[in-house]
Amino acid sequence: MPASSTCLPPSTTLPACAFTIIRDMTPPRQPAEAPSLALTVEQAAASLGLSQSHFREHVLPHVRSIKVGRVRIVAVIELERWLYLHGRFADEE
C-alpha cells in the first residue's frame, strides 16, 4: 500500500526513508507498570513504616521470605498476612 499524505496530491508517495524518520520520531511506548508481588527487605520495611533493623528483628522471623542470590525478598501477601494476624483494635490493647 503506497503511503500518501493528505497534504500531498494523491499521486505523490513518500519515499521509504520518510517512514524511518517518522518511526524514529515516535516516542517509545512505556510498558504498563506491573504491581509488585514481592519487596526487598528495605522496601518491605519502608512499606510498613519501620526501620530495616526493627523489621529484621520483629517482622522477618514471622513471614516467609525467599533468598534470590544475595537479595532476600518478601511477598506482599506475607506482609498483609502478618498485619492481619498481628493487628489489634485500639480498645483491645
PDB file of N, CA and C in Angstrom:
ATOM      1  N   MET A   1       0.850  -1.165   0.000  1.00  0.00           N
ATOM      2  CA  MET A   1       0.000   0.000   0.000  1.00  0.00           C
ATOM      3  C   MET A   1       0.896   1.228   0.000  1.00  0.00           C
ATOM      4  N   PRO A   2       0.803   2.067  -1.007  1.00  0.00           N
ATOM      5  CA  PRO A   2       1.659   3.248  -1.053  1.00  0.00           C
ATOM      6  C   PRO A   2       1.233   4.239   0.017  1.00  0.00           C
ATOM      7  N   ALA A   3       2.224   4.861   0.596  1.00  0.00           N
ATOM      8  CA  ALA A   3       1.949   5.846   1.634  1.00  0.00           C
ATOM      9  C   ALA A   3       1.635   7.169   0.978  1.00  0.00           C
ATOM     10  N   SER A   4       0.526   7.724   1.327  1.00  0.00           N
ATOM     11  CA  SER A   4       0.203   9.049   0.812  1.00  0.00           C
ATOM     12  C   SER A   4      -0.185   9.923   1.986  1.00  0.00           C
ATOM     13  N   SER A   5      -0.029  11.169   1.797  1.00  0.00           N
ATOM     14  CA  SER A   5      -0.329  12.121   2.851  1.00  0.00           C
ATOM     15  C   SER A   5      -1.461  13.004   2.382  1.00  0.00           C
ATOM     16  N   THR A   6      -2.251  13.489   3.298  1.00  0.00           N
ATOM     17  CA  THR A   6      -3.369  14.353   2.922  1.00  0.00           C
ATOM     18  C   THR A   6      -2.894  15.703   2.423  1.00  0.00           C
ATOM     19  N   CYS A   7      -1.646  16.081   2.781  1.00  0.00           N
ATOM     20  CA  CYS A   7      -1.151  17.373   2.310  1.00  0.00           C
ATOM     21  C   CYS A   7      -0.461  17.254   0.946  1.00  0.00           C
ATOM     22  N   LEU A   8      -0.306  16.054   0.437  1.00  0.00           N
ATOM     23  CA  LEU A   8       0.305  15.839  -0.869  1.00  0.00           C
ATOM     24  C   LEU A   8      -0.768  15.420  -1.860  1.00  0.00           C
ATOM     25  N   PRO A   9      -0.549  15.698  -3.112  1.00  0.00           N
ATOM     26  CA  PRO A   9      -1.514  15.228  -4.104  1.00  0.00           C
ATOM     27  C   PRO A   9      -1.610  13.700  -4.058  1.00  0.00           C
ATOM     28  N   PRO A  10      -2.764  13.139  -4.399  1.00  0.00           N
ATOM     29  CA  PRO A  10      -2.976  11.692  -4.309  1.00  0.00           C
ATOM     30  C   PRO A  10      -1.946  10.864  -5.064  1.00  0.00           C
ATOM     31  N   SER A  11      -1.375  11.386  -6.109  1.00  0.00           N
ATOM     32  CA  SER A  11      -0.417  10.606  -6.884  1.00  0.00           C
ATOM     33  C   SER A  11       0.988  10.630  -6.271  1.00  0.00           C
ATOM     34  N   THR A  12       1.213  11.450  -5.257  1.00  0.00           N
ATOM     35  CA  THR A  12       2.534  11.571  -4.654  1.00  0.00           C
ATOM     36  C   THR A  12       2.682  10.548  -3.537  1.00  0.00           C
ATOM     37  N   THR A  13       3.771   9.843  -3.567  1.00  0.00           N
ATOM     38  CA  THR A  13       4.053   8.888  -2.489  1.00  0.00           C
ATOM     39  C   THR A  13       5.297   9.351  -1.751  1.00  0.00           C
ATOM     40  N   LEU A  14       5.351   9.003  -0.505  1.00  0.00           N
ATOM     41  CA  LEU A  14       6.510   9.368   0.308  1.00  0.00           C
ATOM     42  C   LEU A  14       7.628   8.360   0.069  1.00  0.00           C
ATOM     43  N   PRO A  15       8.868   8.804   0.094  1.00  0.00           N
ATOM     44  CA  PRO A  15       9.973   7.861  -0.041  1.00  0.00           C
ATOM     45  C   PRO A  15      10.044   6.979   1.209  1.00  0.00           C
ATOM     46  N   ALA A  16      10.636   5.807   1.058  1.00  0.00           N
ATOM     47  CA  ALA A  16      10.730   4.850   2.160  1.00  0.00           C
ATOM     48  C   ALA A  16      11.457   5.440   3.356  1.00  0.00           C
ATOM     49  N   CYS A  17      12.436   6.296   3.095  1.00  0.00           N
ATOM     50  CA  CYS A  17      13.189   6.873   4.214  1.00  0.00           C
ATOM     51  C   CYS A  17      12.305   7.763   5.081  1.00  0.00           C
ATOM     52  N   ALA A  18      11.206   8.296   4.547  1.00  0.00           N
ATOM     53  CA  ALA A  18      10.308   9.140   5.341  1.00  0.00           C
ATOM     54  C   ALA A  18       9.674   8.337   6.459  1.00  0.00           C
ATOM     55  N   PHE A  19       9.377   7.067   6.195  1.00  0.00           N
ATOM     56  CA  PHE A  19       8.775   6.219   7.236  1.00  0.00           C
ATOM     57  C   PHE A  19       9.763   5.975   8.369  1.00  0.00           C
ATOM     58  N   THR A  20      11.038   5.828   8.028  1.00  0.00           N
ATOM     59  CA  THR A  20      12.062   5.648   9.050  1.00  0.00           C
ATOM     60  C   THR A  20      12.147   6.882   9.925  1.00  0.00           C
ATOM     61  N   ILE A  21      12.107   8.041   9.324  1.00  0.00           N
ATOM     62  CA  ILE A  21      12.176   9.288  10.078  1.00  0.00           C
ATOM     63  C   ILE A  21      10.965   9.408  10.993  1.00  0.00           C
ATOM     64  N   ILE A  22       9.785   9.144  10.463  1.00  0.00           N
ATOM     65  CA  ILE A  22       8.564   9.233  11.264  1.00  0.00           C
ATOM     66  C   ILE A  22       8.599   8.213  12.394  1.00  0.00           C
ATOM     67  N   ARG A  23       9.010   6.978  12.106  1.00  0.00           N
ATOM     68  CA  ARG A  23       9.076   5.927  13.118  1.00  0.00           C
ATOM     69  C   ARG A  23      10.069   6.311  14.212  1.00  0.00           C
ATOM     70  N   ASP A  24      11.221   6.889  13.824  1.00  0.00           N
ATOM     71  CA  ASP A  24      12.225   7.272  14.807  1.00  0.00           C
ATOM     72  C   ASP A  24      11.758   8.440  15.674  1.00  0.00           C
ATOM     73  N   MET A  25      10.829   9.251  15.170  1.00  0.00           N
ATOM     74  CA  MET A  25      10.334  10.384  15.937  1.00  0.00           C
ATOM     75  C   MET A  25       9.243   9.984  16.923  1.00  0.00           C
ATOM     76  N   THR A  26       8.647   8.827  16.730  1.00  0.00           N
ATOM     77  CA  THR A  26       7.586   8.372  17.617  1.00  0.00           C
ATOM     78  C   THR A  26       8.184   7.985  18.963  1.00  0.00           C
ATOM     79  N   PRO A  27       7.672   8.542  20.064  1.00  0.00           N
ATOM     80  CA  PRO A  27       8.238   8.181  21.370  1.00  0.00           C
ATOM     81  C   PRO A  27       7.971   6.703  21.682  1.00  0.00           C
ATOM     82  N   PRO A  28       8.917   6.034  22.322  1.00  0.00           N
ATOM     83  CA  PRO A  28       8.711   4.630  22.631  1.00  0.00           C
ATOM     84  C   PRO A  28       7.581   4.469  23.643  1.00  0.00           C
ATOM     85  N   ARG A  29       6.827   3.392  23.505  1.00  0.00           N
ATOM     86  CA  ARG A  29       5.740   3.127  24.444  1.00  0.00           C
ATOM     87  C   ARG A  29       6.326   2.647  25.753  1.00  0.00           C
ATOM     88  N   GLN A  30       5.819   3.177  26.840  1.00  0.00           N
ATOM     89  CA  GLN A  30       6.248   2.724  28.155  1.00  0.00           C
ATOM     90  C   GLN A  30       5.437   1.482  28.517  1.00  0.00           C
ATOM     91  N   PRO A  31       6.107   0.446  29.015  1.00  0.00           N
ATOM     92  CA  PRO A  31       5.351  -0.737  29.411  1.00  0.00           C
ATOM     93  C   PRO A  31       4.465  -0.406  30.610  1.00  0.00           C
ATOM     94  N   ALA A  32       3.332  -1.065  30.673  1.00  0.00           N
ATOM     95  CA  ALA A  32       2.435  -0.864  31.808  1.00  0.00           C
ATOM     96  C   ALA A  32       3.143  -1.333  33.070  1.00  0.00           C
ATOM     97  N   GLU A  33       3.006  -0.567  34.122  1.00  0.00           N
ATOM     98  CA  GLU A  33       3.683  -0.909  35.355  1.00  0.00           C
ATOM     99  C   GLU A  33       2.949  -2.065  36.027  1.00  0.00           C
ATOM    100  N   ALA A  34       3.663  -3.136  36.288  1.00  0.00           N
ATOM    101  CA  ALA A  34       3.082  -4.300  36.939  1.00  0.00           C
ATOM    102  C   ALA A  34       3.133  -4.111  38.449  1.00  0.00           C
ATOM    103  N   PRO A  35       2.114  -4.575  39.142  1.00  0.00           N
ATOM    104  CA  PRO A  35       2.157  -4.470  40.601  1.00  0.00           C
ATOM    105  C   PRO A  35       3.252  -5.365  41.163  1.00  0.00           C
ATOM    106  N   SER A  36       3.882  -4.914  42.221  1.00  0.00           N
ATOM    107  CA  SER A  36       4.944  -5.706  42.842  1.00  0.00           C
ATOM    108  C   SER A  36       4.335  -6.873  43.608  1.00  0.00           C
ATOM    109  N   LEU A  37       4.848  -8.053  43.361  1.00  0.00           N
ATOM    110  CA  LEU A  37       4.410  -9.224  44.103  1.00  0.00           C
ATOM    111  C   LEU A  37       5.287  -9.451  45.321  1.00  0.00           C
ATOM    112  N   ALA A  38       6.518  -8.962  45.269  1.00  0.00           N
ATOM    113  CA  ALA A  38       7.453  -9.129  46.377  1.00  0.00           C
ATOM    114  C   ALA A  38       8.309  -7.880  46.493  1.00  0.00           C
ATOM    115  N   LEU A  39       8.807  -7.659  47.710  1.00  0.00           N
ATOM    116  CA  LEU A  39       9.617  -6.486  48.001  1.00  0.00           C
ATOM    117  C   LEU A  39      10.917  -6.917  48.651  1.00  0.00           C
ATOM    118  N   THR A  40      11.960  -6.124  48.460  1.00  0.00           N
ATOM    119  CA  THR A  40      13.192  -6.381  49.186  1.00  0.00           C
ATOM    120  C   THR A  40      12.938  -6.059  50.659  1.00  0.00           C
ATOM    121  N   VAL A  41      13.848  -6.478  51.531  1.00  0.00           N
ATOM    122  CA  VAL A  41      13.695  -6.190  52.953  1.00  0.00           C
ATOM    123  C   VAL A  41      13.612  -4.676  53.171  1.00  0.00           C
ATOM    124  N   GLU A  42      14.431  -3.929  52.465  1.00  0.00           N
ATOM    125  CA  GLU A  42      14.405  -2.468  52.583  1.00  0.00           C
ATOM    126  C   GLU A  42      13.047  -1.906  52.183  1.00  0.00           C
ATOM    127  N   GLN A  43      12.506  -2.369  51.061  1.00  0.00           N
ATOM    128  CA  GLN A  43      11.205  -1.902  50.588  1.00  0.00           C
ATOM    129  C   GLN A  43      10.088  -2.345  51.525  1.00  0.00           C
ATOM    130  N   ALA A  44      10.160  -3.588  52.005  1.00  0.00           N
ATOM    131  CA  ALA A  44       9.135  -4.110  52.906  1.00  0.00           C
ATOM    132  C   ALA A  44       9.108  -3.301  54.200  1.00  0.00           C
ATOM    133  N   ALA A  45      10.275  -3.020  54.754  1.00  0.00           N
ATOM    134  CA  ALA A  45      10.347  -2.219  55.979  1.00  0.00           C
ATOM    135  C   ALA A  45       9.756  -0.840  55.740  1.00  0.00           C
ATOM    136  N   ALA A  46      10.123  -0.221  54.637  1.00  0.00           N
ATOM    137  CA  ALA A  46       9.611   1.111  54.310  1.00  0.00           C
ATOM    138  C   ALA A  46       8.098   1.088  54.115  1.00  0.00           C
ATOM    139  N   SER A  47       7.588   0.027  53.494  1.00  0.00           N
ATOM    140  CA  SER A  47       6.146  -0.055  53.251  1.00  0.00           C
ATOM    141  C   SER A  47       5.357  -0.152  54.549  1.00  0.00           C
ATOM    142  N   LEU A  48       5.989  -0.664  55.616  1.00  0.00           N
ATOM    143  CA  LEU A  48       5.336  -0.749  56.921  1.00  0.00           C
ATOM    144  C   LEU A  48       5.698   0.441  57.816  1.00  0.00           C
ATOM    145  N   GLY A  49       6.550   1.315  57.329  1.00  0.00           N
ATOM    146  CA  GLY A  49       6.965   2.464  58.110  1.00  0.00           C
ATOM    147  C   GLY A  49       7.933   2.114  59.223  1.00  0.00           C
ATOM    148  N   LEU A  50       8.723   1.052  59.022  1.00  0.00           N
ATOM    149  CA  LEU A  50       9.670   0.585  60.030  1.00  0.00           C
ATOM    150  C   LEU A  50      11.101   0.751  59.541  1.00  0.00           C
ATOM    151  N   SER A  51      12.029   0.795  60.486  1.00  0.00           N
ATOM    152  CA  SER A  51      13.436   0.769  60.100  1.00  0.00           C
ATOM    153  C   SER A  51      13.776  -0.658  59.673  1.00  0.00           C
ATOM    154  N   GLN A  52      14.844  -0.798  58.926  1.00  0.00           N
ATOM    155  CA  GLN A  52      15.257  -2.138  58.497  1.00  0.00           C
ATOM    156  C   GLN A  52      15.603  -3.018  59.691  1.00  0.00           C
ATOM    157  N   SER A  53      16.285  -2.452  60.677  1.00  0.00           N
ATOM    158  CA  SER A  53      16.682  -3.265  61.831  1.00  0.00           C
ATOM    159  C   SER A  53      15.460  -3.723  62.629  1.00  0.00           C
ATOM    160  N   HIS A  54      14.485  -2.841  62.804  1.00  0.00           N
ATOM    161  CA  HIS A  54      13.262  -3.220  63.516  1.00  0.00           C
ATOM    162  C   HIS A  54      12.497  -4.283  62.717  1.00  0.00           C
ATOM    163  N   PHE A  55      12.430  -4.101  61.410  1.00  0.00           N
ATOM    164  CA  PHE A  55      11.756  -5.077  60.544  1.00  0.00           C
ATOM    165  C   PHE A  55      12.432  -6.438  60.649  1.00  0.00           C
ATOM    166  N   ARG A  56      13.768  -6.452  60.558  1.00  0.00           N
ATOM    167  CA  ARG A  56      14.501  -7.721  60.623  1.00  0.00           C
ATOM    168  C   ARG A  56      14.304  -8.421  61.968  1.00  0.00           C
ATOM    169  N   GLU A  57      14.214  -7.646  63.037  1.00  0.00           N
ATOM    170  CA  GLU A  57      14.089  -8.242  64.368  1.00  0.00           C
ATOM    171  C   GLU A  57      12.660  -8.677  64.700  1.00  0.00           C
ATOM    172  N   HIS A  58      11.667  -7.877  64.307  1.00  0.00           N
ATOM    173  CA  HIS A  58      10.306  -8.120  64.769  1.00  0.00           C
ATOM    174  C   HIS A  58       9.338  -8.666  63.718  1.00  0.00           C
ATOM    175  N   VAL A  59       9.629  -8.482  62.459  1.00  0.00           N
ATOM    176  CA  VAL A  59       8.696  -8.925  61.415  1.00  0.00           C
ATOM    177  C   VAL A  59       9.253 -10.099  60.620  1.00  0.00           C
ATOM    178  N   LEU A  60      10.480  -9.987  60.166  1.00  0.00           N
ATOM    179  CA  LEU A  60      11.059 -11.007  59.279  1.00  0.00           C
ATOM    180  C   LEU A  60      10.991 -12.427  59.844  1.00  0.00           C
ATOM    181  N   PRO A  61      11.172 -12.626  61.156  1.00  0.00           N
ATOM    182  CA  PRO A  61      11.061 -14.001  61.666  1.00  0.00           C
ATOM    183  C   PRO A  61       9.656 -14.595  61.544  1.00  0.00           C
ATOM    184  N   HIS A  62       8.653 -13.753  61.294  1.00  0.00           N
ATOM    185  CA  HIS A  62       7.258 -14.218  61.262  1.00  0.00           C
ATOM    186  C   HIS A  62       6.663 -14.286  59.859  1.00  0.00           C
ATOM    187  N   VAL A  63       7.448 -13.958  58.851  1.00  0.00           N
ATOM    188  CA  VAL A  63       6.951 -14.019  57.467  1.00  0.00           C
ATOM    189  C   VAL A  63       7.866 -14.903  56.633  1.00  0.00           C
ATOM    190  N   ARG A  64       7.274 -15.550  55.662  1.00  0.00           N
ATOM    191  CA  ARG A  64       8.090 -16.349  54.743  1.00  0.00           C
ATOM    192  C   ARG A  64       8.785 -15.415  53.771  1.00  0.00           C
ATOM    193  N   SER A  65      10.026 -15.715  53.484  1.00  0.00           N
ATOM    194  CA  SER A  65      10.789 -14.904  52.543  1.00  0.00           C
ATOM    195  C   SER A  65      11.598 -15.826  51.642  1.00  0.00           C
ATOM    196  N   ILE A  66      12.105 -15.260  50.576  1.00  0.00           N
ATOM    197  CA  ILE A  66      12.861 -16.027  49.583  1.00  0.00           C
ATOM    198  C   ILE A  66      14.194 -15.333  49.377  1.00  0.00           C
ATOM    199  N   LYS A  67      15.248 -16.092  49.349  1.00  0.00           N
ATOM    200  CA  LYS A  67      16.563 -15.525  49.060  1.00  0.00           C
ATOM    201  C   LYS A  67      16.849 -15.762  47.579  1.00  0.00           C
ATOM    202  N   VAL A  68      17.060 -14.688  46.858  1.00  0.00           N
ATOM    203  CA  VAL A  68      17.357 -14.742  45.430  1.00  0.00           C
ATOM    204  C   VAL A  68      18.761 -14.178  45.269  1.00  0.00           C
ATOM    205  N   GLY A  69      19.716 -15.071  45.104  1.00  0.00           N
ATOM    206  CA  GLY A  69      21.104 -14.632  45.070  1.00  0.00           C
ATOM    207  C   GLY A  69      21.474 -14.084  46.428  1.00  0.00           C
ATOM    208  N   ARG A  70      21.864 -12.819  46.457  1.00  0.00           N
ATOM    209  CA  ARG A  70      22.225 -12.181  47.725  1.00  0.00           C
ATOM    210  C   ARG A  70      21.106 -11.313  48.277  1.00  0.00           C
ATOM    211  N   VAL A  71      19.965 -11.299  47.596  1.00  0.00           N
ATOM    212  CA  VAL A  71      18.851 -10.438  48.000  1.00  0.00           C
ATOM    213  C   VAL A  71      17.725 -11.286  48.592  1.00  0.00           C
ATOM    214  N   ARG A  72      17.196 -10.845  49.715  1.00  0.00           N
ATOM    215  CA  ARG A  72      16.045 -11.502  50.331  1.00  0.00           C
ATOM    216  C   ARG A  72      14.802 -10.696  49.982  1.00  0.00           C
ATOM    217  N   ILE A  73      13.768 -11.391  49.496  1.00  0.00           N
ATOM    218  CA  ILE A  73      12.516 -10.724  49.154  1.00  0.00           C
ATOM    219  C   ILE A  73      11.379 -11.325  49.973  1.00  0.00           C
ATOM    220  N   VAL A  74      10.371 -10.499  50.209  1.00  0.00           N
ATOM    221  CA  VAL A  74       9.207 -10.898  50.985  1.00  0.00           C
ATOM    222  C   VAL A  74       7.978 -10.644  50.126  1.00  0.00           C
ATOM    223  N   ALA A  75       7.125 -11.643  50.016  1.00  0.00           N
ATOM    224  CA  ALA A  75       5.903 -11.483  49.231  1.00  0.00           C
ATOM    225  C   ALA A  75       4.982 -10.466  49.907  1.00  0.00           C
ATOM    226  N   VAL A  76       4.364  -9.621  49.121  1.00  0.00           N
ATOM    227  CA  VAL A  76       3.446  -8.618  49.644  1.00  0.00           C
ATOM    228  C   VAL A  76       2.325  -9.286  50.422  1.00  0.00           C
ATOM    229  N   ILE A  77       1.851 -10.417  49.944  1.00  0.00           N
ATOM    230  CA  ILE A  77       0.766 -11.129  50.634  1.00  0.00           C
ATOM    231  C   ILE A  77       1.208 -11.604  52.020  1.00  0.00           C
ATOM    232  N   GLU A  78       2.500 -11.901  52.188  1.00  0.00           N
ATOM    233  CA  GLU A  78       3.018 -12.270  53.508  1.00  0.00           C
ATOM    234  C   GLU A  78       2.968 -11.082  54.461  1.00  0.00           C
ATOM    235  N   LEU A  79       3.282  -9.901  53.962  1.00  0.00           N
ATOM    236  CA  LEU A  79       3.197  -8.700  54.797  1.00  0.00           C
ATOM    237  C   LEU A  79       1.748  -8.419  55.179  1.00  0.00           C
ATOM    238  N   GLU A  80       0.844  -8.609  54.226  1.00  0.00           N
ATOM    239  CA  GLU A  80      -0.573  -8.418  54.514  1.00  0.00           C
ATOM    240  C   GLU A  80      -1.048  -9.419  55.555  1.00  0.00           C
ATOM    241  N   ARG A  81      -0.602 -10.674  55.445  1.00  0.00           N
ATOM    242  CA  ARG A  81      -0.975 -11.710  56.409  1.00  0.00           C
ATOM    243  C   ARG A  81      -0.453 -11.338  57.792  1.00  0.00           C
ATOM    244  N   TRP A  82       0.810 -10.891  57.876  1.00  0.00           N
ATOM    245  CA  TRP A  82       1.403 -10.506  59.147  1.00  0.00           C
ATOM    246  C   TRP A  82       0.612  -9.354  59.791  1.00  0.00           C
ATOM    247  N   LEU A  83       0.244  -8.360  58.991  1.00  0.00           N
ATOM    248  CA  LEU A  83      -0.542  -7.245  59.502  1.00  0.00           C
ATOM    249  C   LEU A  83      -1.880  -7.721  60.044  1.00  0.00           C
ATOM    250  N   TYR A  84      -2.525  -8.615  59.312  1.00  0.00           N
ATOM    251  CA  TYR A  84      -3.838  -9.112  59.729  1.00  0.00           C
ATOM    252  C   TYR A  84      -3.727  -9.904  61.034  1.00  0.00           C
ATOM    253  N   LEU A  85      -2.742 -10.778  61.138  1.00  0.00           N
ATOM    254  CA  LEU A  85      -2.587 -11.620  62.323  1.00  0.00           C
ATOM    255  C   LEU A  85      -2.117 -10.847  63.549  1.00  0.00           C
ATOM    256  N   HIS A  86      -1.327  -9.802  63.352  1.00  0.00           N
ATOM    257  CA  HIS A  86      -0.776  -9.079  64.488  1.00  0.00           C
ATOM    258  C   HIS A  86      -1.522  -7.779  64.784  1.00  0.00           C
ATOM    259  N   GLY A  87      -2.484  -7.457  63.963  1.00  0.00           N
ATOM    260  CA  GLY A  87      -3.242  -6.224  64.162  1.00  0.00           C
ATOM    261  C   GLY A  87      -4.237  -6.369  65.313  1.00  0.00           C
ATOM    262  N   ARG A  88      -4.443  -5.298  66.027  1.00  0.00           N
ATOM    263  CA  ARG A  88      -5.390  -5.256  67.118  1.00  0.00           C
ATOM    264  C   ARG A  88      -6.184  -3.946  67.014  1.00  0.00           C
ATOM    265  N   PHE A  89      -7.409  -3.982  67.492  1.00  0.00           N
ATOM    266  CA  PHE A  89      -8.182  -2.756  67.603  1.00  0.00           C
ATOM    267  C   PHE A  89      -7.639  -1.946  68.764  1.00  0.00           C
ATOM    268  N   ALA A  90      -7.754  -0.643  68.692  1.00  0.00           N
ATOM    269  CA  ALA A  90      -7.188   0.232  69.717  1.00  0.00           C
ATOM    270  C   ALA A  90      -7.735  -0.089  71.108  1.00  0.00           C
ATOM    271  N   ASP A  91      -8.997  -0.478  71.205  1.00  0.00           N
ATOM    272  CA  ASP A  91      -9.580  -0.756  72.534  1.00  0.00           C
ATOM    273  C   ASP A  91      -9.178  -2.134  73.067  1.00  0.00           C
ATOM    274  N   GLU A  92      -8.465  -2.955  72.281  1.00  0.00           N
ATOM    275  CA  GLU A  92      -8.019  -4.266  72.732  1.00  0.00           C
ATOM    276  C   GLU A  92      -6.625  -4.209  73.343  1.00  0.00           C
ATOM    277  N   GLU A  93      -5.942  -3.098  73.209  1.00  0.00           N
ATOM    278  CA  GLU A  93      -4.559  -3.032  73.675  1.00  0.00           C
ATOM    279  C   GLU A  93      -4.463  -2.770  75.150  1.00  0.00           C
TER     280      GLU A  93
END
